[in-house]
């Protein structure tokens, strides 16, 4: 799929508006991904930290100052409602 995120906007709580390179734009609530998780996700449970989300241009996805990033193909799938395309196995 190779989806790339080009813009992110924090909408409050754990909601983000994502814009992809192909023009797809949509809202996503990441509460179920973030809340109650351990490790690197703990800082993201604080709204003041979560809203520091930015686009990591090199990776083409969203990230936070603690170097956490999320797979852009999975985010594209969640926004578009289309399943993640798996590579063909030859």
C-alpha atoms as a PDB file:
ATOM      1  CA  UNK A   1       0.000   0.000   0.000  1.00  0.00           C
ATOM      2  CA  UNK A   2       2.787   2.412   0.918  1.00  0.00           C
ATOM      3  CA  UNK A   3       0.526   5.135   2.328  1.00  0.00           C
ATOM      4  CA  UNK A   4       2.245   8.355   3.363  1.00  0.00           C
ATOM      5  CA  UNK A   5       0.833  10.898   5.778  1.00  0.00           C
ATOM      6  CA  UNK A   6       1.471  14.506   4.786  1.00  0.00           C
ATOM      7  CA  UNK A   7      -0.493  16.353   7.476  1.00  0.00           C
ATOM      8  CA  UNK A   8      -1.892  15.737  10.944  1.00  0.00           C
ATOM      9  CA  UNK A   9      -4.157  17.902  13.063  1.00  0.00           C
ATOM     10  CA  UNK A  10      -5.029  17.213  16.696  1.00  0.00           C
ATOM     11  CA  UNK A  11      -8.798  17.417  17.246  1.00  0.00           C
ATOM     12  CA  UNK A  12      -8.874  16.919  21.011  1.00  0.00           C
ATOM     13  CA  UNK A  13      -8.660  13.860  23.206  1.00  0.00           C
ATOM     14  CA  UNK A  14      -7.121  11.052  21.178  1.00  0.00           C
ATOM     15  CA  UNK A  15      -8.683  12.172  17.893  1.00  0.00           C
ATOM     16  CA  UNK A  16      -6.596  13.196  14.904  1.00  0.00           C
ATOM     17  CA  UNK A  17      -7.314  14.350  11.389  1.00  0.00           C
ATOM     18  CA  UNK A  18      -4.911  12.673   8.975  1.00  0.00           C
ATOM     19  CA  UNK A  19      -4.195  13.678   5.385  1.00  0.00           C
ATOM     20  CA  UNK A  20      -2.459  11.194   3.097  1.00  0.00           C
ATOM     21  CA  UNK A  21      -0.354  11.860   0.000  1.00  0.00           C
ATOM     22  CA  UNK A  22      -3.123  10.534  -2.281  1.00  0.00           C
ATOM     23  CA  UNK A  23      -5.561  13.138  -0.912  1.00  0.00           C
ATOM     24  CA  UNK A  24      -7.474  10.872   1.477  1.00  0.00           C
ATOM     25  CA  UNK A  25      -8.388  12.794   4.616  1.00  0.00           C
ATOM     26  CA  UNK A  26     -10.217  11.501   7.647  1.00  0.00           C
ATOM     27  CA  UNK A  27     -10.577  11.504  11.392  1.00  0.00           C
ATOM     28  CA  UNK A  28      -9.266   8.748  13.590  1.00  0.00           C
ATOM     29  CA  UNK A  29      -9.741   8.139  17.309  1.00  0.00           C
ATOM     30  CA  UNK A  30      -6.660   6.405  18.690  1.00  0.00           C
ATOM     31  CA  UNK A  31      -8.021   5.950  22.227  1.00  0.00           C
ATOM     32  CA  UNK A  32      -8.164   2.163  21.913  1.00  0.00           C
ATOM     33  CA  UNK A  33      -4.583   2.092  20.621  1.00  0.00           C
ATOM     34  CA  UNK A  34      -3.198   4.371  23.356  1.00  0.00           C
ATOM     35  CA  UNK A  35      -5.256   3.948  26.529  1.00  0.00           C
ATOM     36  CA  UNK A  36      -4.200   1.299  29.000  1.00  0.00           C
ATOM     37  CA  UNK A  37      -1.006   0.421  27.132  1.00  0.00           C
ATOM     38  CA  UNK A  38       2.371   0.089  28.828  1.00  0.00           C
ATOM     39  CA  UNK A  39       5.876   1.080  27.808  1.00  0.00           C
ATOM     40  CA  UNK A  40       6.373   3.767  25.186  1.00  0.00           C
ATOM     41  CA  UNK A  41       2.625   4.421  24.985  1.00  0.00           C
ATOM     42  CA  UNK A  42       2.343   5.659  28.600  1.00  0.00           C
ATOM     43  CA  UNK A  43       3.351   9.281  27.784  1.00  0.00           C
ATOM     44  CA  UNK A  44       0.774   9.378  24.960  1.00  0.00           C
ATOM     45  CA  UNK A  45      -2.005   8.841  27.506  1.00  0.00           C
ATOM     46  CA  UNK A  46      -1.476  12.434  28.656  1.00  0.00           C
ATOM     47  CA  UNK A  47      -3.425  14.803  26.375  1.00  0.00           C
ATOM     48  CA  UNK A  48      -0.740  17.501  26.633  1.00  0.00           C
ATOM     49  CA  UNK A  49       1.833  15.051  25.309  1.00  0.00           C
ATOM     50  CA  UNK A  50      -0.491  13.379  22.779  1.00  0.00           C
ATOM     51  CA  UNK A  51      -1.255  16.680  21.086  1.00  0.00           C
ATOM     52  CA  UNK A  52       2.460  17.106  20.281  1.00  0.00           C
ATOM     53  CA  UNK A  53       1.912  14.682  17.388  1.00  0.00           C
ATOM     54  CA  UNK A  54       3.719  15.585  14.167  1.00  0.00           C
ATOM     55  CA  UNK A  55       4.398  14.141  10.734  1.00  0.00           C
ATOM     56  CA  UNK A  56       7.733  12.384  10.505  1.00  0.00           C
ATOM     57  CA  UNK A  57       8.574  13.268   6.900  1.00  0.00           C
ATOM     58  CA  UNK A  58      11.229  10.579   6.604  1.00  0.00           C
ATOM     59  CA  UNK A  59       8.846   7.786   7.631  1.00  0.00           C
ATOM     60  CA  UNK A  60       5.698   9.318   6.143  1.00  0.00           C
ATOM     61  CA  UNK A  61       3.719   8.754   9.298  1.00  0.00           C
ATOM     62  CA  UNK A  62       2.742  10.366  12.578  1.00  0.00           C
ATOM     63  CA  UNK A  63       5.109  10.398  15.523  1.00  0.00           C
ATOM     64  CA  UNK A  64       5.623  11.925  18.962  1.00  0.00           C
ATOM     65  CA  UNK A  65       8.646  13.443  20.724  1.00  0.00           C
ATOM     66  CA  UNK A  66       9.392  10.133  22.503  1.00  0.00           C
ATOM     67  CA  UNK A  67      10.047   8.560  19.058  1.00  0.00           C
ATOM     68  CA  UNK A  68       6.820   6.540  18.984  1.00  0.00           C
ATOM     69  CA  UNK A  69       5.370   6.240  15.498  1.00  0.00           C
ATOM     70  CA  UNK A  70       2.485   4.267  14.004  1.00  0.00           C
ATOM     71  CA  UNK A  71       2.408   2.242  10.800  1.00  0.00           C
ATOM     72  CA  UNK A  72       1.021   4.486   8.032  1.00  0.00           C
ATOM     73  CA  UNK A  73      -0.506   1.526   6.138  1.00  0.00           C
ATOM     74  CA  UNK A  74      -2.538   0.549   9.205  1.00  0.00           C
ATOM     75  CA  UNK A  75      -3.630   4.169   9.722  1.00  0.00           C
ATOM     76  CA  UNK A  76      -4.639   4.412   6.051  1.00  0.00           C
ATOM     77  CA  UNK A  77      -6.663   1.228   6.406  1.00  0.00           C
ATOM     78  CA  UNK A  78      -8.452   2.550   9.484  1.00  0.00           C
ATOM     79  CA  UNK A  79      -9.275   5.889   7.850  1.00  0.00           C
ATOM     80  CA  UNK A  80     -10.313   4.448   4.477  1.00  0.00           C
ATOM     81  CA  UNK A  81     -12.028   1.307   5.738  1.00  0.00           C
ATOM     82  CA  UNK A  82      -9.998  -0.766   3.262  1.00  0.00           C
ATOM     83  CA  UNK A  83      -7.937  -3.713   4.508  1.00  0.00           C
ATOM     84  CA  UNK A  84      -4.172  -3.515   4.543  1.00  0.00           C
ATOM     85  CA  UNK A  85      -2.852  -4.987   1.309  1.00  0.00           C
ATOM     86  CA  UNK A  86      -0.410  -7.787   1.966  1.00  0.00           C
ATOM     87  CA  UNK A  87       2.516  -8.311  -0.397  1.00  0.00           C
ATOM     88  CA  UNK A  88       2.139 -11.107  -2.912  1.00  0.00           C
ATOM     89  CA  UNK A  89       3.973 -14.238  -1.885  1.00  0.00           C
ATOM     90  CA  UNK A  90       5.672 -15.865  -4.823  1.00  0.00           C
END
